């Protein structure tokens, strides 16, 4: 049995990675690993509230490991804190880290490089699945998500806060990846095959900050 820690962003690709891993009888998911902006008490990139990520982990039945990041956070500080998380993982008998990366080779290469010598093997269960196919498969399987963040340089602000569903995909402009792999948008999953029950949420305030547009997702 291989004990794995899953890099958990709170979004759809993380949830689908967990879904695929759970279908492998030789894999045990030991923990979900999430980086938090400690000042904002939110997921570092997606800006999702910590309480909602805790609700995801509870419904997945998997412990949540929080990596606390200061704000601002240098790349060196980020890598130091991730290294500490990796050391904790190996001390607990974990031998692999899974990521939900799809096709950005430079991101994959960075992860592989950072794990060299750590005792942890990088896993990429959704790597190079065609994203149009993947998006529709996730939605058909019951993945439900909110658009939490968009890059307005790539995608109109009006897309933020909406539901990630088939209708939403049909409205995407040409050239926008349907899984947002180029950073066009990020999501929060509130229901998925890996959850014991849905998380009731609603869309709150929309703000523009640091060059991105964020929709606050609130528990109902």
N, C-alpha and C. Protein backbone atom coordinates (compact mmCIF):
# COMPACT_ATOMS: atom_id res chain seq x y z
N UNK A 1 0.84 -1.20 0.00
CA UNK A 1 0.00 0.00 0.00
C UNK A 1 0.88 1.25 0.00
N UNK A 2 0.64 2.15 -0.95
CA UNK A 2 1.38 3.40 -1.05
C UNK A 2 0.60 4.52 -0.36
N UNK A 3 1.22 5.13 0.65
CA UNK A 3 0.59 6.25 1.33
C UNK A 3 0.93 7.55 0.60
N UNK A 4 -0.12 8.29 0.25
CA UNK A 4 0.04 9.47 -0.59
C UNK A 4 -0.55 10.69 0.10
N UNK A 5 0.12 11.82 -0.05
CA UNK A 5 -0.45 13.10 0.34
C UNK A 5 -0.85 13.83 -0.94
N UNK A 6 -2.02 14.46 -0.94
CA UNK A 6 -2.54 15.11 -2.13
C UNK A 6 -2.48 16.62 -1.97
N UNK A 7 -1.83 17.28 -2.93
CA UNK A 7 -1.84 18.74 -2.97
C UNK A 7 -3.26 19.20 -3.28
N UNK A 8 -3.86 19.93 -2.34
CA UNK A 8 -5.29 20.23 -2.40
C UNK A 8 -5.51 21.74 -2.48
N UNK A 9 -5.95 22.21 -3.63
CA UNK A 9 -6.16 23.64 -3.84
C UNK A 9 -7.55 24.10 -3.45
N UNK A 10 -8.46 23.16 -3.26
CA UNK A 10 -9.90 23.34 -3.02
C UNK A 10 -10.69 23.36 -4.32
N UNK A 11 -10.00 23.21 -5.45
CA UNK A 11 -10.67 23.29 -6.74
C UNK A 11 -10.98 21.94 -7.37
N UNK A 12 -11.57 22.01 -8.54
CA UNK A 12 -12.09 20.83 -9.25
C UNK A 12 -10.99 19.83 -9.62
N UNK A 13 -9.83 20.29 -10.05
CA UNK A 13 -8.79 19.36 -10.47
C UNK A 13 -8.26 18.55 -9.29
N UNK A 14 -8.17 19.18 -8.12
CA UNK A 14 -7.78 18.44 -6.92
C UNK A 14 -8.81 17.37 -6.59
N UNK A 15 -10.09 17.75 -6.68
CA UNK A 15 -11.16 16.80 -6.35
C UNK A 15 -11.16 15.63 -7.33
N UNK A 16 -10.91 15.91 -8.59
CA UNK A 16 -10.91 14.82 -9.59
C UNK A 16 -9.68 13.94 -9.41
N UNK A 17 -8.57 14.52 -9.05
CA UNK A 17 -7.36 13.73 -8.77
C UNK A 17 -7.63 12.76 -7.62
N UNK A 18 -8.30 13.25 -6.57
CA UNK A 18 -8.67 12.39 -5.46
C UNK A 18 -9.60 11.28 -5.93
N UNK A 19 -10.56 11.62 -6.76
CA UNK A 19 -11.50 10.62 -7.29
C UNK A 19 -10.76 9.51 -8.03
N UNK A 20 -9.79 9.88 -8.85
CA UNK A 20 -9.04 8.87 -9.62
C UNK A 20 -8.15 8.03 -8.70
N UNK A 21 -7.51 8.67 -7.74
CA UNK A 21 -6.63 7.94 -6.83
C UNK A 21 -7.41 6.93 -5.99
N UNK A 22 -8.61 7.28 -5.62
CA UNK A 22 -9.41 6.38 -4.79
C UNK A 22 -9.84 5.11 -5.54
N UNK A 23 -9.73 5.14 -6.84
CA UNK A 23 -10.07 3.96 -7.63
C UNK A 23 -8.90 2.98 -7.74
N UNK A 24 -7.75 3.38 -7.17
CA UNK A 24 -6.57 2.51 -7.20
C UNK A 24 -6.43 1.81 -5.84
N UNK A 25 -6.62 0.49 -5.78
CA UNK A 25 -6.63 -0.22 -4.50
C UNK A 25 -5.31 -0.19 -3.75
N UNK A 26 -4.22 0.13 -4.45
CA UNK A 26 -2.91 0.14 -3.79
C UNK A 26 -2.54 1.53 -3.26
N UNK A 27 -3.48 2.49 -3.34
CA UNK A 27 -3.22 3.86 -2.90
C UNK A 27 -4.04 4.18 -1.66
N UNK A 28 -3.39 4.76 -0.67
CA UNK A 28 -4.09 5.28 0.51
C UNK A 28 -3.80 6.77 0.60
N UNK A 29 -4.85 7.60 0.57
CA UNK A 29 -4.67 9.05 0.70
C UNK A 29 -4.59 9.37 2.19
N UNK A 30 -3.40 9.76 2.63
CA UNK A 30 -3.15 9.99 4.05
C UNK A 30 -3.53 11.39 4.50
N UNK A 31 -3.46 12.36 3.59
CA UNK A 31 -3.74 13.75 3.97
C UNK A 31 -3.94 14.60 2.74
N UNK A 32 -4.66 15.72 2.94
CA UNK A 32 -4.78 16.78 1.93
C UNK A 32 -3.88 17.93 2.38
N UNK A 33 -3.06 18.43 1.47
CA UNK A 33 -2.09 19.47 1.81
C UNK A 33 -2.51 20.78 1.13
N UNK A 34 -2.77 21.80 1.94
CA UNK A 34 -3.24 23.08 1.41
C UNK A 34 -2.41 24.22 1.98
N UNK A 35 -2.03 25.15 1.12
CA UNK A 35 -1.30 26.34 1.56
C UNK A 35 -2.31 27.45 1.84
N UNK A 36 -2.15 28.09 3.00
CA UNK A 36 -3.05 29.17 3.41
C UNK A 36 -2.28 30.47 3.58
N UNK A 37 -2.87 31.55 3.13
CA UNK A 37 -2.41 32.89 3.47
C UNK A 37 -2.87 33.14 4.89
N UNK A 38 -1.94 33.12 5.84
CA UNK A 38 -2.30 33.19 7.26
C UNK A 38 -2.94 34.53 7.62
N UNK A 39 -2.53 35.58 6.94
CA UNK A 39 -3.09 36.90 7.25
C UNK A 39 -4.57 36.96 6.87
N UNK A 40 -4.91 36.41 5.69
CA UNK A 40 -6.29 36.45 5.22
C UNK A 40 -7.10 35.26 5.69
N UNK A 41 -6.41 34.21 6.16
CA UNK A 41 -7.06 32.97 6.58
C UNK A 41 -7.81 32.31 5.42
N UNK A 42 -7.17 32.34 4.27
CA UNK A 42 -7.76 31.80 3.05
C UNK A 42 -6.72 31.01 2.25
N UNK A 43 -7.19 30.16 1.33
CA UNK A 43 -6.29 29.42 0.45
C UNK A 43 -5.42 30.42 -0.31
N UNK A 44 -4.15 30.14 -0.42
CA UNK A 44 -3.18 31.11 -0.92
C UNK A 44 -3.53 31.69 -2.29
N UNK A 45 -3.97 30.87 -3.25
CA UNK A 45 -4.26 31.42 -4.57
C UNK A 45 -5.75 31.58 -4.82
N UNK A 46 -6.55 30.61 -4.42
CA UNK A 46 -7.97 30.64 -4.74
C UNK A 46 -8.76 31.59 -3.85
N UNK A 47 -8.17 32.00 -2.71
CA UNK A 47 -8.81 32.92 -1.75
C UNK A 47 -10.07 32.33 -1.13
N UNK A 48 -10.13 31.02 -1.02
CA UNK A 48 -11.28 30.34 -0.40
C UNK A 48 -11.09 30.35 1.11
N UNK A 49 -12.18 30.56 1.82
CA UNK A 49 -12.14 30.60 3.29
C UNK A 49 -11.67 29.27 3.86
N UNK A 50 -10.87 29.34 4.91
CA UNK A 50 -10.32 28.13 5.53
C UNK A 50 -11.44 27.18 5.97
N UNK A 51 -12.51 27.72 6.53
CA UNK A 51 -13.59 26.88 7.03
C UNK A 51 -14.20 26.01 5.93
N UNK A 52 -14.22 26.52 4.71
CA UNK A 52 -14.78 25.76 3.60
C UNK A 52 -13.83 24.62 3.19
N UNK A 53 -12.54 24.85 3.26
CA UNK A 53 -11.58 23.78 2.97
C UNK A 53 -11.66 22.71 4.05
N UNK A 54 -11.83 23.13 5.28
CA UNK A 54 -12.00 22.17 6.37
C UNK A 54 -13.26 21.33 6.16
N UNK A 55 -14.30 21.96 5.62
CA UNK A 55 -15.53 21.23 5.32
C UNK A 55 -15.30 20.21 4.20
N UNK A 56 -14.49 20.58 3.22
CA UNK A 56 -14.15 19.63 2.15
C UNK A 56 -13.43 18.41 2.71
N UNK A 57 -12.43 18.66 3.55
CA UNK A 57 -11.65 17.56 4.12
C UNK A 57 -12.54 16.66 4.98
N UNK A 58 -13.44 17.27 5.73
CA UNK A 58 -14.34 16.49 6.58
C UNK A 58 -15.23 15.59 5.72
N UNK A 59 -15.74 16.12 4.62
CA UNK A 59 -16.61 15.33 3.76
C UNK A 59 -15.84 14.28 2.96
N UNK A 60 -14.57 14.54 2.73
CA UNK A 60 -13.73 13.54 2.06
C UNK A 60 -13.23 12.48 3.04
N UNK A 61 -13.34 12.77 4.33
CA UNK A 61 -12.87 11.83 5.35
C UNK A 61 -11.37 11.71 5.41
N UNK A 62 -10.67 12.82 5.11
CA UNK A 62 -9.20 12.81 5.06
C UNK A 62 -8.66 13.98 5.88
N UNK A 63 -7.61 13.77 6.69
CA UNK A 63 -7.04 14.88 7.47
C UNK A 63 -6.52 15.99 6.56
N UNK A 64 -6.69 17.23 7.00
CA UNK A 64 -6.18 18.40 6.28
C UNK A 64 -4.90 18.88 6.93
N UNK A 65 -3.84 18.96 6.13
CA UNK A 65 -2.58 19.54 6.61
C UNK A 65 -2.48 20.95 6.06
N UNK A 66 -2.43 21.92 6.94
CA UNK A 66 -2.33 23.32 6.52
C UNK A 66 -0.88 23.77 6.53
N UNK A 67 -0.45 24.34 5.42
CA UNK A 67 0.86 24.97 5.35
C UNK A 67 0.62 26.47 5.45
N UNK A 68 1.05 27.06 6.56
CA UNK A 68 0.79 28.47 6.83
C UNK A 68 1.84 29.35 6.15
N UNK A 69 1.37 30.27 5.32
CA UNK A 69 2.27 31.17 4.60
C UNK A 69 2.05 32.61 5.06
N UNK A 70 3.13 33.35 5.30
CA UNK A 70 2.96 34.78 5.62
C UNK A 70 2.56 35.54 4.36
N UNK A 71 2.13 36.78 4.55
CA UNK A 71 1.83 37.64 3.39
C UNK A 71 2.48 38.99 3.61
N UNK A 72 3.34 39.42 2.68
CA UNK A 72 3.75 38.69 1.46
C UNK A 72 4.68 37.52 1.80
N UNK A 73 4.81 36.62 0.82
CA UNK A 73 5.62 35.42 1.03
C UNK A 73 6.61 35.27 -0.11
N UNK A 74 7.89 35.22 0.23
CA UNK A 74 8.91 35.03 -0.80
C UNK A 74 8.90 33.58 -1.26
N UNK A 75 9.47 33.34 -2.42
CA UNK A 75 9.53 31.96 -2.93
C UNK A 75 10.40 31.10 -2.00
N UNK A 76 11.44 31.69 -1.44
CA UNK A 76 12.31 30.93 -0.53
C UNK A 76 11.52 30.50 0.72
N UNK A 77 10.72 31.42 1.25
CA UNK A 77 9.92 31.09 2.44
C UNK A 77 8.90 30.00 2.10
N UNK A 78 8.28 30.12 0.94
CA UNK A 78 7.32 29.10 0.50
C UNK A 78 7.99 27.73 0.42
N UNK A 79 9.15 27.68 -0.20
CA UNK A 79 9.84 26.40 -0.37
C UNK A 79 10.29 25.83 0.98
N UNK A 80 10.71 26.69 1.91
CA UNK A 80 11.11 26.22 3.25
C UNK A 80 9.92 25.57 3.96
N UNK A 81 8.77 26.18 3.86
CA UNK A 81 7.60 25.66 4.57
C UNK A 81 7.06 24.39 3.91
N UNK A 82 7.17 24.33 2.59
CA UNK A 82 6.77 23.11 1.90
C UNK A 82 7.73 21.97 2.22
N UNK A 83 9.01 22.31 2.36
CA UNK A 83 10.01 21.29 2.73
C UNK A 83 9.70 20.71 4.10
N UNK A 84 9.27 21.55 5.01
CA UNK A 84 8.90 21.07 6.35
C UNK A 84 7.70 20.12 6.27
N UNK A 85 6.74 20.44 5.40
CA UNK A 85 5.58 19.57 5.22
C UNK A 85 5.99 18.22 4.65
N UNK A 86 6.93 18.24 3.73
CA UNK A 86 7.44 17.00 3.14
C UNK A 86 8.17 16.15 4.18
N UNK A 87 8.91 16.81 5.04
CA UNK A 87 9.61 16.08 6.11
C UNK A 87 8.61 15.43 7.07
N UNK A 88 7.54 16.13 7.36
CA UNK A 88 6.49 15.55 8.20
C UNK A 88 5.89 14.33 7.51
N UNK A 89 5.68 14.44 6.20
CA UNK A 89 5.08 13.33 5.44
C UNK A 89 5.94 12.08 5.50
N UNK A 90 7.23 12.23 5.24
CA UNK A 90 8.10 11.05 5.25
C UNK A 90 8.19 10.46 6.65
N UNK A 91 8.16 11.32 7.68
CA UNK A 91 8.20 10.82 9.06
C UNK A 91 6.97 10.00 9.40
N UNK A 92 5.87 10.23 8.67
CA UNK A 92 4.64 9.50 8.92
C UNK A 92 4.43 8.36 7.92
N UNK A 93 5.49 8.02 7.18
CA UNK A 93 5.43 6.87 6.29
C UNK A 93 4.81 7.13 4.94
N UNK A 94 4.62 8.39 4.61
CA UNK A 94 4.09 8.75 3.28
C UNK A 94 5.25 8.72 2.28
N UNK A 95 4.99 8.18 1.10
CA UNK A 95 6.06 8.00 0.12
C UNK A 95 5.80 8.71 -1.21
N UNK A 96 4.66 9.40 -1.34
CA UNK A 96 4.37 10.07 -2.61
C UNK A 96 3.50 11.30 -2.39
N UNK A 97 3.62 12.24 -3.30
CA UNK A 97 2.77 13.44 -3.32
C UNK A 97 2.06 13.49 -4.67
N UNK A 98 0.74 13.66 -4.66
CA UNK A 98 -0.03 13.73 -5.90
C UNK A 98 -0.43 15.17 -6.20
N UNK A 99 -0.42 15.51 -7.48
CA UNK A 99 -0.75 16.86 -7.93
C UNK A 99 -1.82 16.78 -9.03
N UNK A 100 -2.60 17.84 -9.14
CA UNK A 100 -3.64 17.88 -10.16
C UNK A 100 -3.25 18.63 -11.41
N UNK A 101 -1.95 18.71 -11.71
CA UNK A 101 -1.49 19.41 -12.90
C UNK A 101 -1.92 18.67 -14.17
N UNK A 102 -2.24 19.46 -15.20
CA UNK A 102 -2.77 18.89 -16.44
C UNK A 102 -1.77 18.88 -17.59
N UNK A 103 -1.19 20.06 -17.90
CA UNK A 103 -0.26 20.04 -19.04
C UNK A 103 0.84 21.09 -19.00
N UNK A 104 0.99 21.82 -17.92
CA UNK A 104 2.06 22.82 -17.86
C UNK A 104 3.37 22.14 -17.47
N UNK A 105 4.22 21.92 -18.46
CA UNK A 105 5.43 21.16 -18.25
C UNK A 105 6.37 21.84 -17.26
N UNK A 106 6.44 23.18 -17.31
CA UNK A 106 7.35 23.88 -16.40
C UNK A 106 6.92 23.72 -14.95
N UNK A 107 5.61 23.67 -14.70
CA UNK A 107 5.11 23.45 -13.34
C UNK A 107 5.45 22.04 -12.88
N UNK A 108 5.24 21.08 -13.76
CA UNK A 108 5.56 19.70 -13.43
C UNK A 108 7.06 19.56 -13.14
N UNK A 109 7.89 20.15 -13.99
CA UNK A 109 9.34 20.05 -13.80
C UNK A 109 9.76 20.66 -12.47
N UNK A 110 9.12 21.78 -12.09
CA UNK A 110 9.43 22.43 -10.81
C UNK A 110 9.10 21.50 -9.65
N UNK A 111 7.95 20.86 -9.70
CA UNK A 111 7.55 19.97 -8.61
C UNK A 111 8.51 18.78 -8.51
N UNK A 112 8.85 18.21 -9.63
CA UNK A 112 9.78 17.07 -9.64
C UNK A 112 11.12 17.49 -9.04
N UNK A 113 11.58 18.67 -9.44
CA UNK A 113 12.87 19.17 -8.96
C UNK A 113 12.84 19.41 -7.45
N UNK A 114 11.76 19.99 -6.96
CA UNK A 114 11.66 20.29 -5.53
C UNK A 114 11.58 19.04 -4.67
N UNK A 115 11.08 17.94 -5.23
CA UNK A 115 10.94 16.70 -4.45
C UNK A 115 12.17 15.80 -4.52
N UNK A 116 13.12 16.16 -5.36
CA UNK A 116 14.33 15.34 -5.47
C UNK A 116 15.04 15.25 -4.12
N UNK A 117 15.32 14.02 -3.70
CA UNK A 117 16.02 13.80 -2.44
C UNK A 117 15.15 13.88 -1.21
N UNK A 118 13.84 14.10 -1.39
CA UNK A 118 12.93 14.24 -0.25
C UNK A 118 12.41 12.91 0.26
N UNK A 119 12.56 11.85 -0.55
CA UNK A 119 11.96 10.56 -0.21
C UNK A 119 10.52 10.44 -0.66
N UNK A 120 10.02 11.46 -1.39
CA UNK A 120 8.64 11.48 -1.87
C UNK A 120 8.62 11.45 -3.39
N UNK A 121 7.81 10.57 -3.94
CA UNK A 121 7.66 10.45 -5.40
C UNK A 121 6.51 11.34 -5.86
N UNK A 122 6.71 12.15 -6.92
CA UNK A 122 5.60 12.95 -7.43
C UNK A 122 4.67 12.11 -8.32
N UNK A 123 3.37 12.28 -8.15
CA UNK A 123 2.38 11.59 -8.96
C UNK A 123 1.51 12.63 -9.67
N UNK A 124 1.15 12.35 -10.91
CA UNK A 124 0.35 13.27 -11.71
C UNK A 124 -0.81 12.51 -12.37
N UNK A 125 -1.85 12.18 -11.61
CA UNK A 125 -2.90 11.30 -12.12
C UNK A 125 -3.72 11.86 -13.28
N UNK A 126 -3.83 13.19 -13.42
CA UNK A 126 -4.66 13.75 -14.49
C UNK A 126 -3.80 14.33 -15.63
N UNK A 127 -2.52 14.06 -15.59
CA UNK A 127 -1.58 14.65 -16.56
C UNK A 127 -1.97 14.31 -17.99
N UNK A 128 -2.10 15.37 -18.80
CA UNK A 128 -2.34 15.29 -20.24
C UNK A 128 -3.68 14.67 -20.63
N UNK A 129 -4.63 14.62 -19.70
CA UNK A 129 -6.00 14.32 -20.11
C UNK A 129 -6.51 15.54 -20.87
N UNK A 130 -7.04 15.38 -22.09
CA UNK A 130 -7.54 16.54 -22.85
C UNK A 130 -8.56 17.32 -22.02
N UNK A 131 -8.34 18.62 -21.89
CA UNK A 131 -9.12 19.39 -20.92
C UNK A 131 -10.59 19.56 -21.31
N UNK A 132 -10.89 19.61 -22.58
CA UNK A 132 -12.30 19.70 -22.98
C UNK A 132 -13.04 18.44 -22.53
N UNK A 133 -12.40 17.30 -22.76
CA UNK A 133 -12.96 16.01 -22.35
C UNK A 133 -13.04 15.92 -20.83
N UNK A 134 -12.00 16.35 -20.16
CA UNK A 134 -11.94 16.27 -18.70
C UNK A 134 -13.01 17.13 -18.05
N UNK A 135 -13.17 18.36 -18.53
CA UNK A 135 -14.15 19.27 -17.96
C UNK A 135 -15.55 18.67 -18.02
N UNK A 136 -15.90 18.12 -19.15
CA UNK A 136 -17.25 17.56 -19.32
C UNK A 136 -17.41 16.28 -18.50
N UNK A 137 -16.35 15.51 -18.39
CA UNK A 137 -16.42 14.28 -17.60
C UNK A 137 -16.62 14.61 -16.12
N UNK A 138 -15.92 15.60 -15.62
CA UNK A 138 -16.06 16.00 -14.22
C UNK A 138 -17.49 16.46 -13.93
N UNK A 139 -18.00 17.30 -14.79
CA UNK A 139 -19.35 17.83 -14.58
C UNK A 139 -20.39 16.71 -14.66
N UNK A 140 -20.24 15.82 -15.62
CA UNK A 140 -21.18 14.71 -15.77
C UNK A 140 -21.14 13.78 -14.55
N UNK A 141 -19.98 13.68 -13.91
CA UNK A 141 -19.82 12.79 -12.76
C UNK A 141 -20.34 13.41 -11.46
N UNK A 142 -20.73 14.68 -11.51
CA UNK A 142 -21.30 15.31 -10.32
C UNK A 142 -20.41 16.32 -9.63
N UNK A 143 -19.31 16.71 -10.25
CA UNK A 143 -18.48 17.77 -9.67
C UNK A 143 -19.20 19.10 -9.83
N UNK A 144 -19.40 19.80 -8.72
CA UNK A 144 -20.05 21.10 -8.74
C UNK A 144 -19.13 22.11 -8.08
N UNK A 145 -18.94 23.23 -8.76
CA UNK A 145 -17.96 24.20 -8.28
C UNK A 145 -18.40 25.62 -8.57
N UNK A 146 -17.81 26.55 -7.84
CA UNK A 146 -18.00 27.98 -8.06
C UNK A 146 -16.70 28.57 -8.62
N UNK A 147 -16.81 29.53 -9.51
CA UNK A 147 -15.63 30.24 -10.00
C UNK A 147 -15.26 31.28 -8.95
N UNK A 148 -14.12 31.08 -8.30
CA UNK A 148 -13.72 31.94 -7.20
C UNK A 148 -12.80 33.09 -7.62
N UNK A 149 -12.14 32.93 -8.76
CA UNK A 149 -11.12 33.90 -9.16
C UNK A 149 -10.96 33.87 -10.67
N UNK A 150 -10.83 35.02 -11.29
CA UNK A 150 -10.48 35.08 -12.70
C UNK A 150 -9.33 36.08 -12.89
N UNK A 151 -8.56 35.82 -13.91
CA UNK A 151 -7.53 36.76 -14.36
C UNK A 151 -8.19 37.64 -15.42
N UNK A 152 -8.49 38.91 -15.11
CA UNK A 152 -9.22 39.75 -16.06
C UNK A 152 -8.46 40.05 -17.34
N UNK A 153 -7.16 39.76 -17.34
CA UNK A 153 -6.40 39.91 -18.57
C UNK A 153 -6.65 38.78 -19.56
N UNK A 154 -7.30 37.71 -19.06
CA UNK A 154 -7.57 36.55 -19.90
C UNK A 154 -9.06 36.26 -20.05
N UNK A 155 -9.83 36.60 -19.03
CA UNK A 155 -11.24 36.24 -18.99
C UNK A 155 -12.03 37.39 -18.35
N UNK A 156 -13.20 37.69 -18.92
CA UNK A 156 -14.02 38.81 -18.43
C UNK A 156 -14.39 38.64 -16.96
N UNK A 157 -14.45 39.76 -16.26
CA UNK A 157 -14.77 39.75 -14.83
C UNK A 157 -16.12 39.11 -14.55
N UNK A 158 -17.03 39.19 -15.51
CA UNK A 158 -18.40 38.70 -15.30
C UNK A 158 -18.46 37.19 -15.07
N UNK A 159 -17.40 36.47 -15.39
CA UNK A 159 -17.39 35.02 -15.22
C UNK A 159 -17.21 34.61 -13.76
N UNK A 160 -16.66 35.49 -12.94
CA UNK A 160 -16.38 35.13 -11.55
C UNK A 160 -17.68 34.99 -10.76
N UNK A 161 -17.68 34.05 -9.81
CA UNK A 161 -18.85 33.84 -8.97
C UNK A 161 -19.89 32.93 -9.55
N UNK A 162 -19.73 32.55 -10.80
CA UNK A 162 -20.73 31.71 -11.46
C UNK A 162 -20.48 30.23 -11.16
N UNK A 163 -21.44 29.41 -11.53
CA UNK A 163 -21.32 27.96 -11.38
C UNK A 163 -20.51 27.37 -12.52
N UNK A 164 -19.61 26.48 -12.18
CA UNK A 164 -18.84 25.75 -13.19
C UNK A 164 -19.69 24.58 -13.67
N UNK A 165 -20.36 24.76 -14.80
CA UNK A 165 -21.23 23.72 -15.33
C UNK A 165 -21.20 23.74 -16.86
N UNK A 166 -21.98 22.89 -17.48
CA UNK A 166 -21.96 22.76 -18.94
C UNK A 166 -22.33 24.06 -19.62
N UNK A 167 -23.31 24.75 -19.07
CA UNK A 167 -23.73 26.03 -19.66
C UNK A 167 -22.61 27.05 -19.59
N UNK A 168 -21.90 27.06 -18.46
CA UNK A 168 -20.78 28.00 -18.29
C UNK A 168 -19.68 27.71 -19.31
N UNK A 169 -19.39 26.42 -19.51
CA UNK A 169 -18.36 26.05 -20.49
C UNK A 169 -18.69 26.55 -21.88
N UNK A 170 -19.97 26.50 -22.22
CA UNK A 170 -20.40 26.91 -23.57
C UNK A 170 -20.20 28.41 -23.80
N UNK A 171 -20.12 29.19 -22.72
CA UNK A 171 -19.95 30.64 -22.86
C UNK A 171 -18.50 31.08 -22.88
N UNK A 172 -17.57 30.14 -22.66
CA UNK A 172 -16.15 30.52 -22.62
C UNK A 172 -15.68 31.00 -23.99
N UNK A 173 -14.94 32.09 -24.03
CA UNK A 173 -14.38 32.56 -25.30
C UNK A 173 -13.37 31.56 -25.86
N UNK A 174 -13.17 31.61 -27.16
CA UNK A 174 -12.16 30.76 -27.80
C UNK A 174 -10.79 31.06 -27.20
N UNK A 175 -10.02 30.01 -27.00
CA UNK A 175 -8.68 30.16 -26.47
C UNK A 175 -8.58 30.06 -24.96
N UNK A 176 -9.71 30.01 -24.27
CA UNK A 176 -9.71 29.85 -22.82
C UNK A 176 -9.79 28.37 -22.51
N UNK A 177 -8.83 27.87 -21.73
CA UNK A 177 -8.83 26.45 -21.40
C UNK A 177 -10.03 26.14 -20.50
N UNK A 178 -10.81 25.10 -20.82
CA UNK A 178 -12.02 24.80 -20.04
C UNK A 178 -11.73 24.33 -18.63
N UNK A 179 -10.48 24.00 -18.33
CA UNK A 179 -10.10 23.68 -16.95
C UNK A 179 -9.29 24.80 -16.30
N UNK A 180 -9.07 25.90 -17.03
CA UNK A 180 -8.33 27.03 -16.47
C UNK A 180 -6.88 26.74 -16.18
N UNK A 181 -6.30 25.82 -16.93
CA UNK A 181 -4.93 25.39 -16.64
C UNK A 181 -3.89 26.47 -16.89
N UNK A 182 -4.24 27.47 -17.69
CA UNK A 182 -3.32 28.58 -17.94
C UNK A 182 -3.52 29.74 -16.96
N UNK A 183 -4.25 29.48 -15.88
CA UNK A 183 -4.47 30.50 -14.86
C UNK A 183 -5.62 31.44 -15.16
N UNK A 184 -6.47 31.08 -16.14
CA UNK A 184 -7.59 31.95 -16.49
C UNK A 184 -8.58 32.10 -15.35
N UNK A 185 -8.79 31.00 -14.60
CA UNK A 185 -9.74 31.03 -13.50
C UNK A 185 -9.41 29.93 -12.50
N UNK A 186 -9.98 30.05 -11.30
CA UNK A 186 -9.85 29.04 -10.27
C UNK A 186 -11.23 28.73 -9.70
N UNK A 187 -11.36 27.56 -9.06
CA UNK A 187 -12.66 27.12 -8.59
C UNK A 187 -12.63 26.63 -7.14
N UNK A 188 -13.83 26.58 -6.55
CA UNK A 188 -14.04 25.91 -5.27
C UNK A 188 -15.08 24.82 -5.48
N UNK A 189 -14.74 23.58 -5.13
CA UNK A 189 -15.66 22.46 -5.30
C UNK A 189 -16.54 22.32 -4.05
N UNK A 190 -17.86 22.36 -4.26
CA UNK A 190 -18.76 22.20 -3.11
C UNK A 190 -19.53 20.88 -3.16
N UNK A 191 -19.36 20.13 -4.23
CA UNK A 191 -19.91 18.77 -4.28
C UNK A 191 -19.09 17.97 -5.29
N UNK A 192 -18.91 16.69 -5.01
CA UNK A 192 -18.11 15.83 -5.88
C UNK A 192 -18.30 14.38 -5.44
N UNK A 193 -17.96 13.43 -6.30
CA UNK A 193 -18.08 12.02 -5.92
C UNK A 193 -17.25 11.65 -4.68
N UNK A 194 -16.25 12.46 -4.36
CA UNK A 194 -15.37 12.14 -3.22
C UNK A 194 -15.92 12.67 -1.90
N UNK A 195 -17.05 13.39 -1.93
CA UNK A 195 -17.62 13.96 -0.71
C UNK A 195 -18.80 13.12 -0.23
N UNK A 196 -18.93 13.02 1.10
CA UNK A 196 -20.06 12.29 1.68
C UNK A 196 -21.36 13.05 1.53
N UNK A 197 -21.28 14.38 1.41
CA UNK A 197 -22.46 15.22 1.22
C UNK A 197 -22.03 16.56 0.65
N UNK A 198 -22.94 17.30 0.01
CA UNK A 198 -22.57 18.61 -0.54
C UNK A 198 -22.29 19.63 0.56
N UNK A 199 -21.59 20.70 0.19
CA UNK A 199 -21.38 21.85 1.06
C UNK A 199 -22.28 22.97 0.53
N UNK A 200 -23.19 23.44 1.34
CA UNK A 200 -24.10 24.51 0.91
C UNK A 200 -23.36 25.84 0.92
N UNK A 201 -23.31 26.49 -0.25
CA UNK A 201 -22.58 27.75 -0.37
C UNK A 201 -23.38 28.74 -1.22
N UNK A 202 -22.96 30.00 -1.11
CA UNK A 202 -23.51 31.05 -1.96
C UNK A 202 -22.38 32.00 -2.33
N UNK A 203 -22.60 32.76 -3.37
CA UNK A 203 -21.60 33.73 -3.82
C UNK A 203 -21.80 35.05 -3.11
N UNK A 204 -20.72 35.57 -2.55
CA UNK A 204 -20.78 36.84 -1.83
C UNK A 204 -20.16 37.97 -2.63
N UNK A 205 -19.43 38.82 -1.93
CA UNK A 205 -18.86 40.03 -2.52
C UNK A 205 -17.81 39.70 -3.59
N UNK A 206 -17.79 40.51 -4.64
CA UNK A 206 -16.77 40.40 -5.68
C UNK A 206 -15.82 41.59 -5.54
N UNK A 207 -14.52 41.29 -5.47
CA UNK A 207 -13.51 42.35 -5.32
C UNK A 207 -12.38 42.14 -6.32
N UNK A 208 -11.73 43.23 -6.67
CA UNK A 208 -10.56 43.17 -7.53
C UNK A 208 -9.33 43.51 -6.70
N UNK A 209 -8.32 42.62 -6.74
CA UNK A 209 -7.15 42.80 -5.88
C UNK A 209 -5.94 42.12 -6.51
N UNK A 210 -4.80 42.82 -6.48
CA UNK A 210 -3.54 42.25 -6.96
C UNK A 210 -3.64 41.73 -8.39
N UNK A 211 -4.44 42.39 -9.21
CA UNK A 211 -4.53 42.03 -10.61
C UNK A 211 -5.50 40.90 -10.91
N UNK A 212 -6.25 40.43 -9.91
CA UNK A 212 -7.23 39.37 -10.10
C UNK A 212 -8.59 39.81 -9.57
N UNK A 213 -9.63 39.13 -10.02
CA UNK A 213 -10.99 39.40 -9.53
C UNK A 213 -11.44 38.17 -8.75
N UNK A 214 -11.85 38.40 -7.50
CA UNK A 214 -12.24 37.31 -6.59
C UNK A 214 -13.71 37.42 -6.22
N UNK A 215 -14.36 36.26 -6.18
CA UNK A 215 -15.71 36.19 -5.63
C UNK A 215 -15.63 35.43 -4.31
N UNK A 216 -16.13 36.03 -3.26
CA UNK A 216 -16.12 35.41 -1.95
C UNK A 216 -17.20 34.31 -1.93
N UNK A 217 -16.80 33.10 -1.62
CA UNK A 217 -17.75 31.99 -1.49
C UNK A 217 -18.05 31.83 0.00
N UNK A 218 -19.34 31.86 0.33
CA UNK A 218 -19.77 31.86 1.72
C UNK A 218 -20.57 30.60 2.04
N UNK A 219 -20.39 30.05 3.23
CA UNK A 219 -21.24 28.92 3.63
C UNK A 219 -22.66 29.40 3.90
N UNK A 220 -23.62 28.58 3.54
CA UNK A 220 -25.01 28.96 3.79
C UNK A 220 -25.44 28.51 5.18
